[in-house]
């Protein structure tokens, strides 16, 4: 099954690297003007330029001009897109909303993103001060933020005749992301059309979802680019500290690990990787002293509660990688059978490391002003439209609560993993 979403005369297209060849970009721009009317010479020069702006700023400029000036199907398309108050990309968060994340890293990235977009607005898109001010693209920062969010979250990238292009494709950009997509997109050169094709039989009434190509992004990256977070994002990591039981830094710890030392006996968090993985029933072998659970994560790409919970568990284990040691090599598949017995001193050192990491989990959880239960109640009240969410629970605050709740659930998963391992040592 294929759906021909839009031929190239109705897409917004720029070539990513015009200095390496811009034949397709020039052709699509010329044909767009033939159908929809001539663009201002200043905008045409900017869109085709090899030394002014990157693909992102050129596509934003194109969209902002279309938003304000284009006729035909474009006003209807623009009206279908989310408004600025409905966007949850990090760049759209106001300073007073950042505390809702209960995360310094999310707040810092959001502030950085908004600052960069503000600079871009003032130097390029602003109708009063920007380099392109004659085009009257954006009378306010909110308009620039809107355009940047749209390009970040709804743009496509493809290669046409060896030319990498970035596209905004009306209607096709309504497709949602899935870890296990049932559809895929491509530009069909022979048909001169952008297509979404089914990867499998799709039942009537089932949503056609594509992959945004973001399978390696953690929730900070997803929030930055798309404005959503994935439950059980395997790429998320808990920021455990290596400086807990002593004053040694991470470099010293890793050097000791490389030398095969038992850091637990030196008072630093250090876990036996073989025993931990055997206890959790996880296979695989470490490479360069680090474990990789990508294959296990690929097996749980579904949306079921079980898949989500298992991805959180795997992300929690991956967060422990800096603390894992592999002092001996048991034969594959032998579980703990090939692992030497511990002395009581070694056993107590392992338990101290587990307790130290559990204490970090508890400390991180305690640093967040709300509980898991409170966050769940806030989101339930917001979904029901009730007053329990509070009068200021706009869509950005709701999404921030969703993010912080996911962070807490990852911490709970790490606590469960560490507790299970600790119990196995009894």
Protein backbone atom coordinates (compact mmCIF):
# COMPACT_ATOMS: atom_id res chain seq x y z
CA UNK A 1 0.00 0.00 0.00
CA UNK A 2 1.31 3.43 -0.93
CA UNK A 3 -0.11 6.86 -0.34
CA UNK A 4 1.06 9.64 -2.63
CA UNK A 5 1.05 12.53 -0.22
CA UNK A 6 2.34 15.42 -2.24
CA UNK A 7 4.15 16.00 -5.50
CA UNK A 8 7.30 18.08 -5.39
CA UNK A 9 5.59 21.25 -6.69
CA UNK A 10 3.72 21.56 -3.38
CA UNK A 11 6.51 20.78 -0.92
CA UNK A 12 8.98 23.17 0.66
CA UNK A 13 12.45 21.91 -0.23
CA UNK A 14 16.02 23.11 0.32
CA UNK A 15 19.30 21.40 -0.47
CA UNK A 16 21.34 20.77 2.66
CA UNK A 17 24.72 21.47 1.03
CA UNK A 18 24.15 23.58 -2.10
CA UNK A 19 27.89 24.03 -2.52
CA UNK A 20 28.09 20.31 -3.39
CA UNK A 21 25.31 20.48 -5.99
CA UNK A 22 21.91 22.13 -5.99
CA UNK A 23 20.18 20.86 -9.13
CA UNK A 24 17.15 19.37 -7.40
CA UNK A 25 16.82 22.31 -5.00
CA UNK A 26 16.82 24.80 -7.88
CA UNK A 27 14.35 22.74 -9.92
CA UNK A 28 11.85 22.36 -7.08
CA UNK A 29 12.09 26.04 -6.21
CA UNK A 30 11.48 27.04 -9.83
CA UNK A 31 8.50 24.72 -10.16
CA UNK A 32 7.05 25.87 -6.84
CA UNK A 33 7.12 29.46 -8.11
CA UNK A 34 5.55 28.44 -11.39
CA UNK A 35 2.58 26.97 -9.51
CA UNK A 36 2.28 29.33 -6.54
CA UNK A 37 3.76 32.61 -7.72
CA UNK A 38 7.15 34.25 -7.65
CA UNK A 39 9.08 34.55 -4.42
CA UNK A 40 10.96 37.73 -3.46
CA UNK A 41 14.48 37.78 -4.97
CA UNK A 42 15.99 38.18 -1.47
CA UNK A 43 14.32 34.95 -0.31
CA UNK A 44 15.28 33.07 -3.49
CA UNK A 45 18.93 34.07 -3.06
CA UNK A 46 18.86 32.99 0.57
CA UNK A 47 17.24 29.63 -0.16
CA UNK A 48 19.79 28.80 -2.86
CA UNK A 49 22.80 30.29 -1.11
CA UNK A 50 25.80 28.13 -0.29
CA UNK A 51 27.30 30.64 2.15
CA UNK A 52 24.30 32.05 4.04
CA UNK A 53 22.67 29.92 6.69
CA UNK A 54 22.29 26.18 6.95
CA UNK A 55 19.41 23.98 5.77
CA UNK A 56 17.52 24.63 9.01
CA UNK A 57 17.48 28.43 8.85
CA UNK A 58 16.72 28.38 5.11
CA UNK A 59 13.75 26.05 5.59
CA UNK A 60 12.47 28.15 8.50
CA UNK A 61 12.68 31.28 6.34
CA UNK A 62 10.78 29.50 3.55
CA UNK A 63 8.02 28.37 5.95
CA UNK A 64 7.67 31.78 7.63
CA UNK A 65 7.29 33.49 4.25
CA UNK A 66 4.69 30.93 3.18
CA UNK A 67 2.83 31.39 6.47
CA UNK A 68 2.47 35.09 5.84
CA UNK A 69 2.13 35.32 2.08
CA UNK A 70 1.28 32.12 0.22
CA UNK A 71 -2.14 31.37 -1.22
CA UNK A 72 -3.79 28.27 -2.64
CA UNK A 73 -3.65 25.27 -0.26
CA UNK A 74 -1.05 26.81 2.05
CA UNK A 75 -3.31 28.83 4.41
CA UNK A 76 -5.35 25.69 5.06
CA UNK A 77 -2.17 23.72 5.77
CA UNK A 78 -0.79 26.41 8.08
CA UNK A 79 -4.08 26.49 9.94
CA UNK A 80 -3.83 22.73 10.53
CA UNK A 81 -0.45 23.03 12.21
CA UNK A 82 -0.14 23.42 16.00
CA UNK A 83 -0.14 26.96 17.36
CA UNK A 84 2.79 28.23 19.39
CA UNK A 85 0.92 27.70 22.68
CA UNK A 86 0.43 24.04 21.76
CA UNK A 87 4.10 23.28 21.16
CA UNK A 88 6.17 21.44 23.78
CA UNK A 89 9.61 21.60 22.14
CA UNK A 90 12.15 22.70 24.73
CA UNK A 91 12.84 25.99 22.92
CA UNK A 92 9.23 27.01 23.59
CA UNK A 93 9.45 26.76 27.39
CA UNK A 94 9.28 30.00 29.37
CA UNK A 95 11.62 30.53 32.34
CA UNK A 96 8.78 30.22 34.87
CA UNK A 97 7.87 26.77 33.46
CA UNK A 98 11.31 25.17 33.68
CA UNK A 99 11.01 24.19 37.34
CA UNK A 100 8.25 21.79 36.35
CA UNK A 101 10.88 19.43 34.91
CA UNK A 102 12.45 19.00 38.35
CA UNK A 103 15.66 18.39 36.40
CA UNK A 104 18.58 20.77 36.09
CA UNK A 105 19.72 19.16 32.83
CA UNK A 106 16.32 19.59 31.12
CA UNK A 107 16.00 23.16 32.37
CA UNK A 108 19.51 24.05 31.23
CA UNK A 109 18.96 22.63 27.75
CA UNK A 110 15.61 24.41 27.43
CA UNK A 111 17.20 27.74 28.43
CA UNK A 112 20.05 27.21 25.98
CA UNK A 113 17.65 26.35 23.15
CA UNK A 114 15.48 29.40 23.74
CA UNK A 115 18.52 31.66 23.97
CA UNK A 116 19.83 30.38 20.63
CA UNK A 117 16.46 30.88 18.95
CA UNK A 118 16.21 34.39 20.41
CA UNK A 119 19.59 35.22 18.88
CA UNK A 120 18.49 33.72 15.57
CA UNK A 121 15.31 35.80 15.65
CA UNK A 122 17.11 39.06 16.34
CA UNK A 123 19.90 38.55 13.80
CA UNK A 124 17.98 36.89 10.97
CA UNK A 125 14.19 36.61 11.09
CA UNK A 126 13.03 39.70 13.01
CA UNK A 127 10.98 42.10 10.91
CA UNK A 128 12.72 45.02 12.60
CA UNK A 129 16.33 43.95 13.10
CA UNK A 130 17.08 40.72 11.22
CA UNK A 131 19.16 40.26 8.12
CA UNK A 132 15.97 39.25 6.28
CA UNK A 133 13.85 42.04 7.78
CA UNK A 134 12.72 43.24 4.34
CA UNK A 135 10.76 39.97 4.01
CA UNK A 136 8.74 40.72 7.20
CA UNK A 137 9.04 37.09 8.32
CA UNK A 138 8.52 37.42 12.08
CA UNK A 139 7.12 40.36 14.02
CA UNK A 140 7.78 38.58 17.33
CA UNK A 141 9.97 35.93 18.91
CA UNK A 142 6.94 33.65 19.21
CA UNK A 143 6.58 33.52 15.41
CA UNK A 144 10.24 32.56 14.99
CA UNK A 145 9.91 29.93 17.73
CA UNK A 146 6.86 28.53 15.95
CA UNK A 147 8.72 28.26 12.63
CA UNK A 148 11.77 26.64 14.24
CA UNK A 149 9.61 24.13 16.12
CA UNK A 150 7.78 23.21 12.92
CA UNK A 151 10.98 22.58 10.97
CA UNK A 152 12.59 20.70 13.88
CA UNK A 153 9.64 18.42 14.52
CA UNK A 154 7.99 18.03 11.11
CA UNK A 155 10.82 18.15 8.59
CA UNK A 156 11.96 15.19 6.49
CA UNK A 157 15.38 14.43 5.10
CA UNK A 158 16.03 12.41 1.97
CA UNK A 159 18.59 11.89 -0.78
CA UNK A 160 17.45 12.59 -4.36
CA UNK A 161 19.89 11.84 -7.17
CA UNK A 162 22.76 12.04 -4.71
CA UNK A 163 21.58 15.39 -3.32
CA UNK A 164 20.63 15.54 0.37
CA UNK A 165 17.51 17.64 0.77
CA UNK A 166 15.31 18.75 3.66
CA UNK A 167 11.58 18.93 3.13
CA UNK A 168 8.35 20.08 4.67
CA UNK A 169 5.59 17.91 3.21
CA UNK A 170 1.99 18.88 4.00
CA UNK A 171 -0.13 16.01 5.34
CA UNK A 172 2.77 13.51 5.39
CA UNK A 173 4.10 15.40 8.42
CA UNK A 174 1.00 14.34 10.34
CA UNK A 175 2.45 10.81 10.69
CA UNK A 176 3.45 9.97 14.26
CA UNK A 177 6.62 8.21 15.42
CA UNK A 178 6.78 4.62 16.58
CA UNK A 179 9.59 2.39 17.82
CA UNK A 180 8.05 -0.32 15.61
CA UNK A 181 6.79 1.61 12.59
CA UNK A 182 4.34 0.02 10.16
CA UNK A 183 5.13 2.55 7.41
CA UNK A 184 8.07 4.37 5.87
CA UNK A 185 8.58 7.47 3.73
CA UNK A 186 10.64 8.27 0.65
CA UNK A 187 10.76 10.64 -2.29
CA UNK A 188 9.87 8.66 -5.41
CA UNK A 189 11.97 10.18 -8.18
CA UNK A 190 10.19 8.27 -10.93
CA UNK A 191 6.75 9.45 -9.78
CA UNK A 192 7.92 12.92 -8.70
CA UNK A 193 6.09 12.40 -5.42
CA UNK A 194 6.67 11.96 -1.73
CA UNK A 195 5.24 8.64 -0.61
CA UNK A 196 4.37 6.89 2.61
CA UNK A 197 4.40 3.13 2.09
CA UNK A 198 3.15 0.38 4.40
CA UNK A 199 5.81 -1.99 5.69
CA UNK A 200 3.21 -4.61 6.59
CA UNK A 201 -0.52 -5.21 6.31
CA UNK A 202 -2.26 -2.33 8.12
CA UNK A 203 -5.81 -2.94 9.23
CA UNK A 204 -8.48 -0.34 8.53
CA UNK A 205 -8.59 2.12 11.41
CA UNK A 206 -4.99 1.41 12.49
CA UNK A 207 -2.69 4.42 12.65
CA UNK A 208 0.13 4.46 10.11
CA UNK A 209 3.30 5.39 12.01
CA UNK A 210 6.80 6.01 10.71
CA UNK A 211 10.20 6.18 12.39
CA UNK A 212 11.56 9.68 12.88
CA UNK A 213 15.07 8.23 12.74
CA UNK A 214 15.58 9.19 16.40
CA UNK A 215 16.11 5.73 17.89
CA UNK A 216 19.40 6.85 19.47
CA UNK A 217 18.00 9.91 21.25
CA UNK A 218 17.24 10.11 24.94
CA UNK A 219 14.19 11.99 26.17
CA UNK A 220 16.15 15.25 26.40
CA UNK A 221 16.89 14.97 22.68
CA UNK A 222 13.30 14.03 21.84
CA UNK A 223 11.96 16.97 23.84
CA UNK A 224 14.41 19.31 22.18
CA UNK A 225 13.58 18.25 18.63
CA UNK A 226 10.01 16.94 18.76
CA UNK A 227 8.40 17.96 22.03
CA UNK A 228 7.59 14.46 23.28
CA UNK A 229 9.20 11.83 25.52
CA UNK A 230 9.06 8.06 25.12
CA UNK A 231 7.94 5.90 28.03
CA UNK A 232 10.78 3.52 28.76
CA UNK A 233 13.35 5.29 26.59
CA UNK A 234 16.27 2.86 26.43
CA UNK A 235 18.66 5.77 25.73
CA UNK A 236 17.91 7.54 29.02
CA UNK A 237 20.61 7.34 31.69
CA UNK A 238 20.60 8.01 35.42
CA UNK A 239 23.40 10.46 36.33
CA UNK A 240 25.04 8.31 39.00
CA UNK A 241 28.08 9.89 40.58
CA UNK A 242 31.41 8.05 40.71
CA UNK A 243 32.53 10.11 43.71
CA UNK A 244 30.52 8.63 46.55
CA UNK A 245 32.57 6.63 48.99
CA UNK A 246 35.91 8.34 48.48
CA UNK A 247 37.44 11.46 47.00
CA UNK A 248 38.75 9.72 43.90
CA UNK A 249 37.55 10.99 40.55
CA UNK A 250 36.08 9.04 37.67
CA UNK A 251 39.40 8.92 35.83
CA UNK A 252 41.04 7.14 38.74
CA UNK A 253 38.15 4.70 38.98
CA UNK A 254 38.26 3.84 35.29
CA UNK A 255 42.03 3.46 35.42
CA UNK A 256 41.69 1.06 38.34
CA UNK A 257 38.98 -0.83 36.48
CA UNK A 258 41.21 -1.17 33.43
CA UNK A 259 43.90 -2.61 35.69
CA UNK A 260 41.44 -5.25 36.91
CA UNK A 261 41.19 -3.94 40.45
CA UNK A 262 38.23 -4.44 42.76
CA UNK A 263 37.04 -0.90 43.39
CA UNK A 264 34.55 -2.06 45.98
CA UNK A 265 37.37 -2.96 48.33
CA UNK A 266 38.75 0.57 47.92
CA UNK A 267 35.48 2.19 49.03
CA UNK A 268 34.12 3.23 45.62
CA UNK A 269 30.92 1.90 44.03
CA UNK A 270 31.90 -1.12 41.97
CA UNK A 271 29.74 -4.06 40.91
CA UNK A 272 30.70 -7.45 39.54
CA UNK A 273 29.32 -7.31 36.01
CA UNK A 274 29.16 -11.07 35.56
CA UNK A 275 27.15 -11.67 38.71
CA UNK A 276 24.83 -8.72 38.08
CA UNK A 277 24.01 -9.79 34.52
CA UNK A 278 23.56 -13.43 35.53
CA UNK A 279 21.23 -12.40 38.37
CA UNK A 280 19.13 -10.29 35.99
CA UNK A 281 19.06 -13.00 33.35
CA UNK A 282 20.74 -10.81 30.74
CA UNK A 283 23.07 -12.28 28.15
CA UNK A 284 25.77 -10.75 26.01
CA UNK A 285 29.44 -9.98 26.56
CA UNK A 286 31.14 -6.70 27.44
CA UNK A 287 33.28 -4.86 24.94
CA UNK A 288 36.12 -2.67 26.18
CA UNK A 289 34.84 -3.06 29.72
CA UNK A 290 31.30 -1.89 28.94
CA UNK A 291 28.11 -3.84 28.51
CA UNK A 292 25.81 -3.38 25.51
CA UNK A 293 22.15 -4.35 25.76
CA UNK A 294 21.00 -3.01 22.38
CA UNK A 295 19.85 -6.44 21.19
CA UNK A 296 17.76 -6.91 24.31
CA UNK A 297 16.22 -3.47 23.80
CA UNK A 298 15.42 -4.24 20.15
CA UNK A 299 13.36 -7.21 21.34
CA UNK A 300 11.03 -4.97 23.39
CA UNK A 301 10.13 -2.15 20.99
CA UNK A 302 6.40 -2.51 21.52
CA UNK A 303 4.04 -0.22 23.38
CA UNK A 304 2.83 -2.74 25.95
CA UNK A 305 3.38 -2.06 29.65
CA UNK A 306 5.70 -5.06 29.78
CA UNK A 307 7.88 -3.75 26.94
CA UNK A 308 8.03 -0.28 28.46
CA UNK A 309 8.97 -1.68 31.88
CA UNK A 310 11.70 -3.88 30.38
CA UNK A 311 13.20 -0.95 28.45
CA UNK A 312 13.36 1.06 31.68
CA UNK A 313 15.07 -1.88 33.35
CA UNK A 314 17.63 -2.12 30.54
CA UNK A 315 18.24 1.65 30.65
CA UNK A 316 18.80 1.39 34.41
CA UNK A 317 21.36 -1.38 33.92
CA UNK A 318 23.12 0.63 31.21
CA UNK A 319 23.31 3.54 33.65
CA UNK A 320 25.41 1.28 35.92
CA UNK A 321 28.02 0.65 33.20
CA UNK A 322 30.67 2.96 34.72
CA UNK A 323 30.57 0.88 37.90
CA UNK A 324 30.77 -2.60 36.39
CA UNK A 325 33.93 -4.67 36.53
CA UNK A 326 34.67 -7.96 34.81
CA UNK A 327 37.58 -9.46 36.75
CA UNK A 328 37.32 -12.91 35.19
CA UNK A 329 35.76 -14.43 32.11
CA UNK A 330 33.30 -17.27 32.76
CA UNK A 331 32.41 -19.41 29.79
CA UNK A 332 29.42 -18.09 27.78
CA UNK A 333 26.06 -19.30 29.01
CA UNK A 334 27.41 -20.63 32.30
CA UNK A 335 25.58 -18.07 34.46
CA UNK A 336 27.42 -17.72 37.76
CA UNK A 337 28.92 -21.23 37.49
CA UNK A 338 32.21 -19.98 36.09
CA UNK A 339 32.58 -17.09 38.54
CA UNK A 340 34.99 -17.64 41.46
CA UNK A 341 33.57 -17.67 44.98
CA UNK A 342 33.92 -14.49 47.04
CA UNK A 343 35.50 -14.04 50.41
CA UNK A 344 33.39 -12.40 53.11
CA UNK A 345 35.44 -9.22 52.67
CA UNK A 346 34.67 -9.10 48.95
CA UNK A 347 31.01 -9.84 49.60
CA UNK A 348 30.71 -6.97 52.07
CA UNK A 349 32.45 -4.61 49.62
CA UNK A 350 29.90 -5.54 46.94
CA UNK A 351 27.03 -4.87 49.33
CA UNK A 352 28.49 -1.48 50.27
CA UNK A 353 28.62 -0.54 46.59
CA UNK A 354 25.00 -1.60 46.11
CA UNK A 355 23.96 0.42 49.16
CA UNK A 356 25.86 3.48 47.91
CA UNK A 357 24.13 3.39 44.52
CA UNK A 358 20.74 2.77 46.15
CA UNK A 359 21.40 5.80 48.35
CA UNK A 360 22.03 7.88 45.23
CA UNK A 361 18.71 6.75 43.78
CA UNK A 362 16.95 7.72 47.00
CA UNK A 363 18.73 11.07 47.09
CA UNK A 364 17.79 11.90 43.49
CA UNK A 365 14.19 10.89 44.16
CA UNK A 366 14.06 12.97 47.35
CA UNK A 367 15.42 16.02 45.50
CA UNK A 368 12.25 16.15 43.38
CA UNK A 369 9.46 18.06 45.16
CA UNK A 370 6.65 15.75 44.03
CA UNK A 371 6.10 12.00 44.24
CA UNK A 372 5.24 9.52 41.51
CA UNK A 373 1.69 9.37 42.85
CA UNK A 374 1.31 13.16 42.81
CA UNK A 375 2.54 13.40 39.22
CA UNK A 376 0.18 10.64 38.13
CA UNK A 377 -2.73 12.45 39.80
CA UNK A 378 -1.79 15.76 38.13
CA UNK A 379 -1.72 14.17 34.68
CA UNK A 380 -4.97 12.30 35.28
CA UNK A 381 -6.68 15.54 36.37
CA UNK A 382 -5.29 17.40 33.33
CA UNK A 383 -6.51 14.65 30.99
CA UNK A 384 -9.95 14.78 32.58
CA UNK A 385 -10.04 18.59 32.44
CA UNK A 386 -10.54 18.81 36.18
CA UNK A 387 -9.32 21.40 38.65
CA UNK A 388 -6.89 18.98 40.31
CA UNK A 389 -4.22 19.86 37.74
CA UNK A 390 -4.20 23.48 38.81
CA UNK A 391 -5.05 26.60 36.79
CA UNK A 392 -1.56 26.92 35.30
CA UNK A 393 -1.32 23.37 33.88
CA UNK A 394 -0.91 24.30 30.22
CA UNK A 395 0.35 21.78 27.65
CA UNK A 396 4.01 22.60 28.30
CA UNK A 397 3.65 22.08 32.04
CA UNK A 398 1.74 18.85 31.43
CA UNK A 399 4.55 17.59 29.22
CA UNK A 400 7.14 18.59 31.81
CA UNK A 401 5.25 16.57 34.43
CA UNK A 402 5.21 13.62 32.01
CA UNK A 403 8.99 13.92 31.61
CA UNK A 404 9.72 14.14 35.32
CA UNK A 405 7.41 11.20 36.01
CA UNK A 406 9.34 9.13 33.48
CA UNK A 407 12.61 10.14 35.19
CA UNK A 408 11.23 8.92 38.50
CA UNK A 409 10.07 5.64 37.02
CA UNK A 410 13.57 5.07 35.68
CA UNK A 411 14.96 5.64 39.18
CA UNK A 412 12.47 3.13 40.56
CA UNK A 413 13.61 0.64 37.92
CA UNK A 414 17.24 1.14 39.00
CA UNK A 415 16.30 0.65 42.64
CA UNK A 416 14.55 -2.61 41.74
CA UNK A 417 17.57 -3.84 39.78
CA UNK A 418 19.99 -3.03 42.60
CA UNK A 419 17.69 -4.52 45.20
CA UNK A 420 17.31 -7.72 43.19
CA UNK A 421 21.07 -8.00 42.89
CA UNK A 422 21.54 -7.30 46.58
CA UNK A 423 18.99 -9.93 47.54
CA UNK A 424 20.84 -12.49 45.41
CA UNK A 425 23.94 -12.02 47.56
CA UNK A 426 22.15 -13.01 50.75
